[in-house]
């Protein structure tokens, strides 16, 4: 008879595995190096997560959840939430998290069936988070602007041009 999963240990492993993929990437992740980094063994990961694919699906959602959590923390009272997220996201210390987010997005788009839960929420959760009571079309355009400019920033490092673009375009999308 198989041992039951220790849910506290599973949560701890998932947290640490998320830290690992943010630092090392997710697309080429292998269980053995991940297990070594977590001071465990690959069979222990399989016991707690079922399969590598199930673990990757959970990791994709953890990266997305971390971004939402830190974005919430970046919003100060009275500040526009999208502007607060933009300031936080463009801080170079968060580049690794965004690289992993975009890598996760690509993996999910390549295999939508395997990562359906990521794709089902990657846009709708931001619409709910940032668009409370606002125009969903304008908010969709703002989310697309932020994601596109973040990709540009990660690819080029041209923060002056990217930030200037955000400051010029965001108000027009808000209708202000």
Foldseek 3Di string as FASTA:
>chain_A
DDDDADVVVLVVLLVLLLVVCLVVNDPPDDQQVSQVSVVHGSVNNCNNQVDSLSSLLSSLVVLLVVLLVVLVVQDDPPDQSLVSSLVVLPPVVCLSSLVNNVSSVVVCVVPVVSNVVNVVPSQVVQCVSRVVVHDSVLSSVSVVLSNVLSVVCSVPVPVVVSVVVCVVVNCVSRVD
